[in-house]
Amino acid sequence: MNTVMELTAVALAALLSENMVLVSCMGIGTHEKSFQEPREAIRTGCCLTVVMILGALGAWLLNYLVLLRYGLTHFQVLAFALLVPGLVAALRKFLRACVPELSRRADDNLASISTNCAALGTALLVSQRSYGLTSALVFALCGGVGATLALASFASLQKEVDLNRCPRSFRGVPIQLITAGLMAMALVGYYGLYLE
């Protein structure tokens, strides 16, 4: 039962209080269309979630089977910085060879994710917090889902904001930053949430 509670706490933290896009500001390195079109935001979020899960799995295996065993933990950042783009490149090749239609739709998104800080940040956080494999995968999955929800919400809000009623000095990037700040403040309120 304790393990279920720990996994629930990891999942809620990744979804809410440590949201990769809004709170940690790690997943904002995606291409601009993801912040403007909800469909593109969901597509980018799904690709990001897959890369985060693969990155967490690869980072956990690399950390526990190689880096900790041979005392090379000071190379974690370098190893993970090479691991994540390598995984993205392998995933792009796999999709091109096996599922060309999906590759055509997701290739731009995967290309932008290869340098996304959320995937690398997930790998680093999994190793720094010494998560077990299950906790690492739950953290990556829920972190990806949280990032997807944040991107899709932000893109949907951009469609709904009536820029004609907005003061001229706030139009464009200023109102987008204010919107992102308000969304982040709403999630910071979950910092005090503890499961007992």
N, C-alpha and C. Protein backbone atom coordinates (compact mmCIF):
# COMPACT_ATOMS: atom_id res chain seq x y z
N MET A 1 0.83 -1.21 0.00
CA MET A 1 0.00 0.00 0.00
C MET A 1 0.87 1.26 0.00
N ASN A 2 1.98 1.18 0.72
CA ASN A 2 2.88 2.33 0.77
C ASN A 2 3.42 2.67 -0.61
N THR A 3 3.69 1.66 -1.41
CA THR A 3 4.20 1.89 -2.75
C THR A 3 3.17 2.60 -3.62
N VAL A 4 1.90 2.23 -3.48
CA VAL A 4 0.84 2.89 -4.24
C VAL A 4 0.75 4.36 -3.85
N MET A 5 0.88 4.65 -2.57
CA MET A 5 0.84 6.04 -2.13
C MET A 5 2.05 6.83 -2.65
N GLU A 6 3.21 6.19 -2.65
CA GLU A 6 4.40 6.87 -3.18
C GLU A 6 4.25 7.14 -4.68
N LEU A 7 3.73 6.17 -5.42
CA LEU A 7 3.53 6.37 -6.85
C LEU A 7 2.49 7.45 -7.11
N THR A 8 1.45 7.49 -6.29
CA THR A 8 0.43 8.53 -6.43
C THR A 8 1.03 9.91 -6.16
N ALA A 9 1.89 9.99 -5.14
CA ALA A 9 2.55 11.28 -4.84
C ALA A 9 3.46 11.71 -5.97
N VAL A 10 4.20 10.76 -6.56
CA VAL A 10 5.08 11.07 -7.69
C VAL A 10 4.24 11.54 -8.88
N ALA A 11 3.12 10.86 -9.13
CA ALA A 11 2.26 11.22 -10.26
C ALA A 11 1.65 12.60 -10.08
N LEU A 12 1.14 12.89 -8.89
CA LEU A 12 0.54 14.21 -8.65
C LEU A 12 1.58 15.32 -8.72
N ALA A 13 2.77 15.05 -8.21
CA ALA A 13 3.83 16.06 -8.28
C ALA A 13 4.19 16.36 -9.73
N ALA A 14 4.32 15.30 -10.55
CA ALA A 14 4.68 15.51 -11.96
C ALA A 14 3.57 16.23 -12.72
N LEU A 15 2.32 15.93 -12.39
CA LEU A 15 1.19 16.56 -13.09
C LEU A 15 0.98 18.01 -12.67
N LEU A 16 1.06 18.27 -11.38
CA LEU A 16 0.63 19.57 -10.87
C LEU A 16 1.77 20.45 -10.36
N SER A 17 2.33 20.10 -9.21
CA SER A 17 3.25 21.03 -8.54
C SER A 17 4.60 21.13 -9.21
N GLU A 18 4.98 20.15 -10.03
CA GLU A 18 6.25 20.23 -10.76
C GLU A 18 6.01 20.15 -12.27
N ASN A 19 4.96 20.77 -12.74
CA ASN A 19 4.63 20.74 -14.15
C ASN A 19 5.83 21.22 -14.96
N MET A 20 6.24 20.42 -15.94
CA MET A 20 7.46 20.71 -16.70
C MET A 20 7.38 22.01 -17.49
N VAL A 21 6.21 22.36 -17.97
CA VAL A 21 6.09 23.55 -18.82
C VAL A 21 5.86 24.79 -17.98
N LEU A 22 4.90 24.75 -17.08
CA LEU A 22 4.49 25.96 -16.38
C LEU A 22 5.30 26.26 -15.13
N VAL A 23 5.64 25.24 -14.34
CA VAL A 23 6.32 25.48 -13.07
C VAL A 23 7.83 25.40 -13.24
N SER A 24 8.32 24.33 -13.87
CA SER A 24 9.76 24.15 -14.03
C SER A 24 10.31 24.87 -15.25
N CYS A 25 9.46 25.31 -16.15
CA CYS A 25 9.85 26.00 -17.39
C CYS A 25 10.84 25.18 -18.21
N MET A 26 10.64 23.86 -18.24
CA MET A 26 11.56 22.99 -18.98
C MET A 26 11.05 22.65 -20.37
N GLY A 27 9.75 22.58 -20.57
CA GLY A 27 9.23 22.10 -21.84
C GLY A 27 8.85 23.18 -22.81
N ILE A 28 9.40 24.38 -22.64
CA ILE A 28 8.96 25.48 -23.51
C ILE A 28 9.82 25.62 -24.75
N GLY A 29 10.71 24.66 -25.00
CA GLY A 29 11.57 24.74 -26.17
C GLY A 29 10.96 24.10 -27.40
N THR A 30 9.65 24.00 -27.48
CA THR A 30 9.00 23.41 -28.65
C THR A 30 8.76 24.49 -29.69
N HIS A 31 8.39 24.07 -30.89
CA HIS A 31 8.20 25.07 -31.94
C HIS A 31 6.94 25.89 -31.68
N GLU A 32 6.89 27.04 -32.30
CA GLU A 32 5.89 28.07 -31.98
C GLU A 32 4.45 27.63 -32.25
N LYS A 33 4.24 26.76 -33.24
CA LYS A 33 2.87 26.35 -33.56
C LYS A 33 2.22 25.60 -32.39
N SER A 34 3.03 24.99 -31.53
CA SER A 34 2.49 24.24 -30.40
C SER A 34 1.81 25.16 -29.39
N PHE A 35 2.19 26.41 -29.37
CA PHE A 35 1.59 27.35 -28.44
C PHE A 35 0.40 28.09 -29.05
N GLN A 36 0.11 27.84 -30.33
CA GLN A 36 -0.96 28.56 -30.99
C GLN A 36 -2.10 27.66 -31.45
N GLU A 37 -1.84 26.43 -31.81
CA GLU A 37 -2.87 25.53 -32.31
C GLU A 37 -3.03 24.34 -31.36
N PRO A 38 -4.23 24.13 -30.82
CA PRO A 38 -4.43 23.03 -29.86
C PRO A 38 -4.10 21.65 -30.43
N ARG A 39 -4.42 21.41 -31.69
CA ARG A 39 -4.12 20.09 -32.27
C ARG A 39 -2.61 19.85 -32.34
N GLU A 40 -1.88 20.88 -32.72
CA GLU A 40 -0.41 20.78 -32.78
C GLU A 40 0.18 20.65 -31.38
N ALA A 41 -0.45 21.30 -30.39
CA ALA A 41 0.01 21.19 -29.01
C ALA A 41 -0.16 19.76 -28.50
N ILE A 42 -1.27 19.14 -28.82
CA ILE A 42 -1.50 17.76 -28.38
C ILE A 42 -0.53 16.82 -29.08
N ARG A 43 -0.29 17.03 -30.37
CA ARG A 43 0.66 16.19 -31.11
C ARG A 43 2.06 16.33 -30.51
N THR A 44 2.48 17.55 -30.23
CA THR A 44 3.79 17.78 -29.63
C THR A 44 3.86 17.17 -28.24
N GLY A 45 2.78 17.32 -27.47
CA GLY A 45 2.75 16.75 -26.13
C GLY A 45 2.83 15.24 -26.13
N CYS A 46 2.17 14.60 -27.08
CA CYS A 46 2.25 13.13 -27.18
C CYS A 46 3.66 12.68 -27.53
N CYS A 47 4.28 13.37 -28.47
CA CYS A 47 5.67 13.04 -28.83
C CYS A 47 6.60 13.28 -27.64
N LEU A 48 6.38 14.38 -26.93
CA LEU A 48 7.20 14.68 -25.76
C LEU A 48 7.02 13.62 -24.68
N THR A 49 5.80 13.15 -24.47
CA THR A 49 5.54 12.12 -23.47
C THR A 49 6.27 10.83 -23.82
N VAL A 50 6.23 10.42 -25.08
CA VAL A 50 6.92 9.20 -25.50
C VAL A 50 8.42 9.35 -25.29
N VAL A 51 8.98 10.49 -25.67
CA VAL A 51 10.42 10.71 -25.50
C VAL A 51 10.79 10.77 -24.02
N MET A 52 9.93 11.37 -23.20
CA MET A 52 10.21 11.43 -21.76
C MET A 52 10.21 10.04 -21.14
N ILE A 53 9.28 9.19 -21.55
CA ILE A 53 9.23 7.82 -21.01
C ILE A 53 10.47 7.04 -21.46
N LEU A 54 10.79 7.12 -22.75
CA LEU A 54 11.99 6.43 -23.24
C LEU A 54 13.26 6.99 -22.59
N GLY A 55 13.30 8.30 -22.41
CA GLY A 55 14.45 8.93 -21.77
C GLY A 55 14.60 8.52 -20.32
N ALA A 56 13.48 8.45 -19.60
CA ALA A 56 13.54 8.02 -18.20
C ALA A 56 13.99 6.57 -18.09
N LEU A 57 13.48 5.73 -18.97
CA LEU A 57 13.89 4.32 -18.97
C LEU A 57 15.37 4.19 -19.30
N GLY A 58 15.80 4.86 -20.36
CA GLY A 58 17.21 4.82 -20.74
C GLY A 58 18.12 5.41 -19.68
N ALA A 59 17.70 6.52 -19.07
CA ALA A 59 18.51 7.16 -18.04
C ALA A 59 18.62 6.28 -16.81
N TRP A 60 17.51 5.65 -16.42
CA TRP A 60 17.55 4.76 -15.25
C TRP A 60 18.48 3.59 -15.51
N LEU A 61 18.36 2.98 -16.68
CA LEU A 61 19.23 1.84 -17.00
C LEU A 61 20.70 2.27 -17.08
N LEU A 62 20.96 3.38 -17.75
CA LEU A 62 22.33 3.87 -17.87
C LEU A 62 22.91 4.24 -16.52
N ASN A 63 22.10 4.88 -15.69
CA ASN A 63 22.58 5.31 -14.39
C ASN A 63 22.90 4.13 -13.48
N TYR A 64 21.96 3.18 -13.39
CA TYR A 64 22.14 2.08 -12.43
C TYR A 64 23.03 0.96 -12.97
N LEU A 65 23.08 0.76 -14.26
CA LEU A 65 23.89 -0.33 -14.79
C LEU A 65 25.31 0.09 -15.15
N VAL A 66 25.52 1.38 -15.43
CA VAL A 66 26.85 1.81 -15.85
C VAL A 66 27.44 2.86 -14.91
N LEU A 67 26.76 4.00 -14.78
CA LEU A 67 27.35 5.13 -14.08
C LEU A 67 27.59 4.86 -12.60
N LEU A 68 26.61 4.33 -11.89
CA LEU A 68 26.78 4.05 -10.47
C LEU A 68 27.72 2.86 -10.25
N ARG A 69 27.62 1.87 -11.08
CA ARG A 69 28.43 0.66 -10.90
C ARG A 69 29.92 0.95 -11.06
N TYR A 70 30.26 1.80 -12.00
CA TYR A 70 31.68 2.09 -12.26
C TYR A 70 32.15 3.43 -11.70
N GLY A 71 31.33 4.05 -10.88
CA GLY A 71 31.72 5.31 -10.24
C GLY A 71 31.86 6.48 -11.20
N LEU A 72 31.02 6.54 -12.21
CA LEU A 72 31.09 7.60 -13.22
C LEU A 72 29.93 8.58 -13.12
N THR A 73 29.42 8.79 -11.91
CA THR A 73 28.23 9.64 -11.76
C THR A 73 28.50 11.10 -12.12
N HIS A 74 29.76 11.52 -12.13
CA HIS A 74 30.06 12.90 -12.52
C HIS A 74 29.86 13.12 -14.02
N PHE A 75 29.63 12.05 -14.78
CA PHE A 75 29.35 12.17 -16.21
C PHE A 75 27.85 12.08 -16.53
N GLN A 76 26.99 12.20 -15.50
CA GLN A 76 25.55 12.04 -15.72
C GLN A 76 25.00 13.03 -16.74
N VAL A 77 25.31 14.30 -16.57
CA VAL A 77 24.75 15.32 -17.45
C VAL A 77 25.19 15.07 -18.90
N LEU A 78 26.46 14.77 -19.07
CA LEU A 78 26.97 14.50 -20.42
C LEU A 78 26.32 13.26 -21.01
N ALA A 79 26.22 12.21 -20.20
CA ALA A 79 25.63 10.96 -20.69
C ALA A 79 24.17 11.16 -21.08
N PHE A 80 23.41 11.87 -20.26
CA PHE A 80 21.99 12.08 -20.55
C PHE A 80 21.81 13.06 -21.70
N ALA A 81 22.72 14.04 -21.82
CA ALA A 81 22.63 14.99 -22.93
C ALA A 81 22.89 14.30 -24.27
N LEU A 82 23.64 13.21 -24.26
CA LEU A 82 23.84 12.43 -25.47
C LEU A 82 22.75 11.37 -25.65
N LEU A 83 22.22 10.87 -24.54
CA LEU A 83 21.22 9.81 -24.58
C LEU A 83 19.91 10.29 -25.21
N VAL A 84 19.40 11.41 -24.76
CA VAL A 84 18.07 11.87 -25.19
C VAL A 84 18.03 12.19 -26.69
N PRO A 85 18.96 12.98 -27.24
CA PRO A 85 18.91 13.18 -28.70
C PRO A 85 19.15 11.89 -29.48
N GLY A 86 19.96 10.98 -28.92
CA GLY A 86 20.16 9.68 -29.57
C GLY A 86 18.88 8.88 -29.62
N LEU A 87 18.11 8.91 -28.53
CA LEU A 87 16.82 8.22 -28.51
C LEU A 87 15.85 8.83 -29.52
N VAL A 88 15.85 10.16 -29.61
CA VAL A 88 14.95 10.82 -30.56
C VAL A 88 15.34 10.46 -31.99
N ALA A 89 16.63 10.44 -32.28
CA ALA A 89 17.09 10.07 -33.63
C ALA A 89 16.71 8.63 -33.96
N ALA A 90 16.88 7.73 -33.00
CA ALA A 90 16.51 6.33 -33.22
C ALA A 90 15.00 6.19 -33.41
N LEU A 91 14.22 6.94 -32.63
CA LEU A 91 12.76 6.89 -32.76
C LEU A 91 12.32 7.42 -34.13
N ARG A 92 12.95 8.49 -34.59
CA ARG A 92 12.62 9.04 -35.91
C ARG A 92 12.94 8.04 -37.03
N LYS A 93 14.10 7.37 -36.93
CA LYS A 93 14.45 6.36 -37.92
C LYS A 93 13.49 5.19 -37.89
N PHE A 94 13.13 4.75 -36.69
CA PHE A 94 12.20 3.64 -36.55
C PHE A 94 10.85 3.98 -37.17
N LEU A 95 10.34 5.17 -36.90
CA LEU A 95 9.05 5.58 -37.45
C LEU A 95 9.11 5.72 -38.97
N ARG A 96 10.21 6.26 -39.49
CA ARG A 96 10.35 6.38 -40.95
C ARG A 96 10.33 5.02 -41.62
N ALA A 97 10.96 4.02 -40.99
CA ALA A 97 11.06 2.70 -41.59
C ALA A 97 9.78 1.88 -41.41
N CYS A 98 9.14 2.00 -40.26
CA CYS A 98 8.01 1.11 -39.95
C CYS A 98 6.64 1.76 -40.12
N VAL A 99 6.52 3.03 -39.79
CA VAL A 99 5.23 3.71 -39.86
C VAL A 99 5.43 5.05 -40.56
N PRO A 100 5.54 5.05 -41.90
CA PRO A 100 5.86 6.30 -42.61
C PRO A 100 4.81 7.39 -42.46
N GLU A 101 3.54 7.02 -42.38
CA GLU A 101 2.48 8.04 -42.25
C GLU A 101 2.60 8.77 -40.90
N LEU A 102 2.82 8.02 -39.84
CA LEU A 102 3.01 8.64 -38.53
C LEU A 102 4.29 9.46 -38.50
N SER A 103 5.31 8.97 -39.17
CA SER A 103 6.59 9.70 -39.24
C SER A 103 6.40 11.04 -39.94
N ARG A 104 5.60 11.06 -41.00
CA ARG A 104 5.37 12.31 -41.73
C ARG A 104 4.68 13.34 -40.84
N ARG A 105 3.76 12.89 -40.01
CA ARG A 105 3.01 13.82 -39.15
C ARG A 105 3.81 14.27 -37.93
N ALA A 106 4.63 13.39 -37.39
CA ALA A 106 5.29 13.68 -36.12
C ALA A 106 6.75 14.07 -36.26
N ASP A 107 7.30 14.10 -37.47
CA ASP A 107 8.73 14.33 -37.63
C ASP A 107 9.16 15.72 -37.16
N ASP A 108 8.39 16.75 -37.49
CA ASP A 108 8.74 18.11 -37.04
C ASP A 108 8.69 18.20 -35.52
N ASN A 109 7.70 17.57 -34.93
CA ASN A 109 7.56 17.61 -33.48
C ASN A 109 8.73 16.89 -32.81
N LEU A 110 9.08 15.71 -33.34
CA LEU A 110 10.20 14.97 -32.77
C LEU A 110 11.51 15.72 -32.95
N ALA A 111 11.66 16.41 -34.07
CA ALA A 111 12.89 17.19 -34.29
C ALA A 111 13.02 18.30 -33.26
N SER A 112 11.92 18.96 -32.92
CA SER A 112 12.00 20.03 -31.92
C SER A 112 12.19 19.47 -30.51
N ILE A 113 11.75 18.24 -30.28
CA ILE A 113 11.87 17.64 -28.95
C ILE A 113 13.29 17.15 -28.68
N SER A 114 14.07 16.95 -29.72
CA SER A 114 15.43 16.44 -29.51
C SER A 114 16.26 17.39 -28.66
N THR A 115 15.92 18.67 -28.66
CA THR A 115 16.64 19.64 -27.82
C THR A 115 15.76 20.18 -26.70
N ASN A 116 14.64 19.54 -26.44
CA ASN A 116 13.72 20.01 -25.42
C ASN A 116 14.26 19.70 -24.03
N CYS A 117 14.20 20.67 -23.15
CA CYS A 117 14.75 20.49 -21.81
C CYS A 117 13.90 19.57 -20.94
N ALA A 118 12.63 19.37 -21.27
CA ALA A 118 11.78 18.51 -20.44
C ALA A 118 12.25 17.06 -20.49
N ALA A 119 12.67 16.61 -21.66
CA ALA A 119 13.14 15.22 -21.79
C ALA A 119 14.44 15.03 -21.02
N LEU A 120 15.38 15.96 -21.18
CA LEU A 120 16.64 15.88 -20.46
C LEU A 120 16.42 16.11 -18.97
N GLY A 121 15.54 17.04 -18.63
CA GLY A 121 15.24 17.30 -17.22
C GLY A 121 14.64 16.11 -16.52
N THR A 122 13.79 15.38 -17.22
CA THR A 122 13.21 14.17 -16.64
C THR A 122 14.29 13.14 -16.34
N ALA A 123 15.20 12.96 -17.28
CA ALA A 123 16.30 12.00 -17.07
C ALA A 123 17.15 12.41 -15.87
N LEU A 124 17.45 13.69 -15.75
CA LEU A 124 18.26 14.15 -14.63
C LEU A 124 17.52 14.03 -13.30
N LEU A 125 16.25 14.41 -13.28
CA LEU A 125 15.49 14.33 -12.04
C LEU A 125 15.31 12.89 -11.57
N VAL A 126 15.12 11.98 -12.50
CA VAL A 126 14.96 10.56 -12.15
C VAL A 126 16.23 10.06 -11.47
N SER A 127 17.39 10.44 -11.99
CA SER A 127 18.64 9.97 -11.40
C SER A 127 18.97 10.70 -10.11
N GLN A 128 18.72 12.00 -10.04
CA GLN A 128 19.03 12.77 -8.84
C GLN A 128 18.17 12.37 -7.65
N ARG A 129 16.94 12.01 -7.92
CA ARG A 129 16.03 11.64 -6.84
C ARG A 129 16.08 10.15 -6.51
N SER A 130 16.91 9.42 -7.21
CA SER A 130 17.08 7.97 -6.99
C SER A 130 15.75 7.23 -7.05
N TYR A 131 14.95 7.56 -8.04
CA TYR A 131 13.68 6.86 -8.22
C TYR A 131 13.94 5.42 -8.65
N GLY A 132 13.06 4.52 -8.22
CA GLY A 132 13.07 3.17 -8.76
C GLY A 132 12.53 3.21 -10.18
N LEU A 133 12.59 2.07 -10.86
CA LEU A 133 12.17 2.05 -12.26
C LEU A 133 10.70 2.42 -12.41
N THR A 134 9.84 1.86 -11.56
CA THR A 134 8.41 2.15 -11.65
C THR A 134 8.13 3.63 -11.39
N SER A 135 8.75 4.17 -10.35
CA SER A 135 8.56 5.59 -10.03
C SER A 135 9.08 6.48 -11.16
N ALA A 136 10.19 6.09 -11.77
CA ALA A 136 10.75 6.87 -12.87
C ALA A 136 9.80 6.90 -14.06
N LEU A 137 9.22 5.75 -14.38
CA LEU A 137 8.30 5.70 -15.52
C LEU A 137 7.00 6.44 -15.22
N VAL A 138 6.51 6.36 -13.99
CA VAL A 138 5.30 7.11 -13.61
C VAL A 138 5.58 8.60 -13.66
N PHE A 139 6.75 9.02 -13.17
CA PHE A 139 7.12 10.44 -13.21
C PHE A 139 7.18 10.94 -14.65
N ALA A 140 7.80 10.15 -15.53
CA ALA A 140 7.92 10.55 -16.94
C ALA A 140 6.55 10.60 -17.61
N LEU A 141 5.72 9.59 -17.38
CA LEU A 141 4.39 9.55 -18.00
C LEU A 141 3.54 10.73 -17.53
N CYS A 142 3.47 10.92 -16.23
CA CYS A 142 2.63 12.01 -15.71
C CYS A 142 3.23 13.39 -16.03
N GLY A 143 4.56 13.49 -16.08
CA GLY A 143 5.18 14.74 -16.49
C GLY A 143 4.85 15.07 -17.93
N GLY A 144 4.84 14.05 -18.79
CA GLY A 144 4.48 14.26 -20.19
C GLY A 144 3.02 14.63 -20.36
N VAL A 145 2.16 13.96 -19.59
CA VAL A 145 0.73 14.29 -19.65
C VAL A 145 0.50 15.71 -19.14
N GLY A 146 1.18 16.08 -18.06
CA GLY A 146 1.06 17.44 -17.54
C GLY A 146 1.55 18.48 -18.53
N ALA A 147 2.65 18.19 -19.21
CA ALA A 147 3.16 19.11 -20.23
C ALA A 147 2.19 19.22 -21.40
N THR A 148 1.60 18.08 -21.79
CA THR A 148 0.61 18.09 -22.87
C THR A 148 -0.60 18.93 -22.50
N LEU A 149 -1.10 18.75 -21.29
CA LEU A 149 -2.25 19.54 -20.83
C LEU A 149 -1.92 21.03 -20.78
N ALA A 150 -0.72 21.35 -20.33
CA ALA A 150 -0.33 22.76 -20.26
C ALA A 150 -0.24 23.37 -21.66
N LEU A 151 0.40 22.65 -22.59
CA LEU A 151 0.52 23.17 -23.96
C LEU A 151 -0.85 23.32 -24.62
N ALA A 152 -1.70 22.29 -24.46
CA ALA A 152 -3.03 22.34 -25.07
C ALA A 152 -3.89 23.44 -24.44
N SER A 153 -3.81 23.60 -23.12
CA SER A 153 -4.58 24.67 -22.46
C SER A 153 -4.13 26.04 -22.92
N PHE A 154 -2.81 26.21 -23.00
CA PHE A 154 -2.29 27.50 -23.43
C PHE A 154 -2.70 27.81 -24.87
N ALA A 155 -2.61 26.80 -25.74
CA ALA A 155 -3.00 27.01 -27.14
C ALA A 155 -4.50 27.30 -27.25
N SER A 156 -5.31 26.61 -26.46
CA SER A 156 -6.76 26.86 -26.49
C SER A 156 -7.09 28.25 -25.98
N LEU A 157 -6.37 28.68 -24.93
CA LEU A 157 -6.61 30.03 -24.41
C LEU A 157 -6.22 31.10 -25.44
N GLN A 158 -5.19 30.83 -26.22
CA GLN A 158 -4.79 31.80 -27.25
C GLN A 158 -5.89 31.97 -28.29
N LYS A 159 -6.61 30.88 -28.57
CA LYS A 159 -7.72 30.97 -29.53
C LYS A 159 -8.89 31.75 -28.94
N GLU A 160 -9.06 31.66 -27.62
CA GLU A 160 -10.23 32.27 -26.98
C GLU A 160 -10.03 33.72 -26.59
N VAL A 161 -8.79 34.15 -26.45
CA VAL A 161 -8.54 35.53 -26.02
C VAL A 161 -8.99 36.48 -27.12
N ASP A 162 -9.82 37.41 -26.75
CA ASP A 162 -10.30 38.41 -27.70
C ASP A 162 -9.30 39.56 -27.73
N LEU A 163 -8.42 39.54 -28.72
CA LEU A 163 -7.36 40.53 -28.76
C LEU A 163 -7.88 41.93 -29.11
N ASN A 164 -9.09 42.04 -29.62
CA ASN A 164 -9.63 43.36 -29.93
C ASN A 164 -9.98 44.13 -28.67
N ARG A 165 -10.33 43.40 -27.58
CA ARG A 165 -10.69 44.07 -26.34
C ARG A 165 -9.48 44.27 -25.44
N CYS A 166 -8.35 43.71 -25.82
CA CYS A 166 -7.12 43.82 -25.05
C CYS A 166 -6.44 45.16 -25.37
N PRO A 167 -5.91 45.86 -24.36
CA PRO A 167 -5.18 47.11 -24.66
C PRO A 167 -4.05 46.85 -25.65
N ARG A 168 -3.79 47.81 -26.48
CA ARG A 168 -2.82 47.65 -27.56
C ARG A 168 -1.43 47.26 -27.03
N SER A 169 -1.03 47.81 -25.90
CA SER A 169 0.31 47.53 -25.37
C SER A 169 0.44 46.10 -24.84
N PHE A 170 -0.69 45.43 -24.60
CA PHE A 170 -0.65 44.05 -24.09
C PHE A 170 -0.83 43.01 -25.18
N ARG A 171 -1.09 43.41 -26.40
CA ARG A 171 -1.34 42.45 -27.47
C ARG A 171 -0.07 41.70 -27.84
N GLY A 172 -0.25 40.43 -28.22
CA GLY A 172 0.89 39.62 -28.66
C GLY A 172 1.58 38.93 -27.49
N VAL A 173 2.90 39.07 -27.44
CA VAL A 173 3.72 38.38 -26.44
C VAL A 173 3.38 38.80 -25.01
N PRO A 174 3.14 40.08 -24.70
CA PRO A 174 2.84 40.43 -23.30
C PRO A 174 1.63 39.69 -22.73
N ILE A 175 0.54 39.59 -23.47
CA ILE A 175 -0.64 38.90 -22.94
C ILE A 175 -0.38 37.39 -22.85
N GLN A 176 0.46 36.87 -23.73
CA GLN A 176 0.82 35.45 -23.65
C GLN A 176 1.62 35.17 -22.39
N LEU A 177 2.56 36.05 -22.07
CA LEU A 177 3.35 35.87 -20.85
C LEU A 177 2.50 36.02 -19.60
N ILE A 178 1.57 36.95 -19.62
CA ILE A 178 0.67 37.11 -18.47
C ILE A 178 -0.19 35.87 -18.30
N THR A 179 -0.70 35.33 -19.41
CA THR A 179 -1.50 34.10 -19.36
C THR A 179 -0.69 32.94 -18.81
N ALA A 180 0.53 32.78 -19.28
CA ALA A 180 1.39 31.70 -18.78
C ALA A 180 1.70 31.88 -17.30
N GLY A 181 1.93 33.11 -16.88
CA GLY A 181 2.19 33.37 -15.47
C GLY A 181 1.01 33.04 -14.58
N LEU A 182 -0.20 33.39 -15.03
CA LEU A 182 -1.40 33.07 -14.25
C LEU A 182 -1.62 31.56 -14.17
N MET A 183 -1.36 30.85 -15.27
CA MET A 183 -1.50 29.40 -15.25
C MET A 183 -0.48 28.77 -14.30
N ALA A 184 0.75 29.29 -14.30
CA ALA A 184 1.79 28.78 -13.40
C ALA A 184 1.44 29.05 -11.95
N MET A 185 0.88 30.23 -11.67
CA MET A 185 0.49 30.56 -10.29
C MET A 185 -0.60 29.63 -9.79
N ALA A 186 -1.48 29.22 -10.68
CA ALA A 186 -2.54 28.29 -10.28
C ALA A 186 -1.96 26.95 -9.89
N LEU A 187 -0.90 26.50 -10.56
CA LEU A 187 -0.30 25.21 -10.24
C LEU A 187 0.63 25.27 -9.04
N VAL A 188 1.23 26.43 -8.77
CA VAL A 188 2.11 26.55 -7.62
C VAL A 188 1.33 26.35 -6.32
N GLY A 189 0.04 26.58 -6.35
CA GLY A 189 -0.80 26.35 -5.17
C GLY A 189 -0.83 24.91 -4.72
N TYR A 190 -0.43 23.98 -5.57
CA TYR A 190 -0.42 22.57 -5.20
C TYR A 190 0.86 22.15 -4.49
N TYR A 191 1.79 23.07 -4.23
CA TYR A 191 3.02 22.71 -3.55
C TYR A 191 2.76 22.12 -2.16
N GLY A 192 1.75 22.58 -1.48
CA GLY A 192 1.47 22.11 -0.14
C GLY A 192 0.72 20.80 -0.08
N LEU A 193 0.43 20.18 -1.20
CA LEU A 193 -0.35 18.96 -1.24
C LEU A 193 0.52 17.77 -0.85
N TYR A 194 0.16 17.11 0.24
CA TYR A 194 0.88 15.91 0.69
C TYR A 194 -0.12 14.80 0.91
N LEU A 195 0.29 13.60 0.54
CA LEU A 195 -0.55 12.43 0.77
C LEU A 195 -0.08 11.74 2.04
N GLU A 196 -1.00 11.40 2.93
CA GLU A 196 -0.62 10.69 4.15
C GLU A 196 -1.39 9.40 4.27
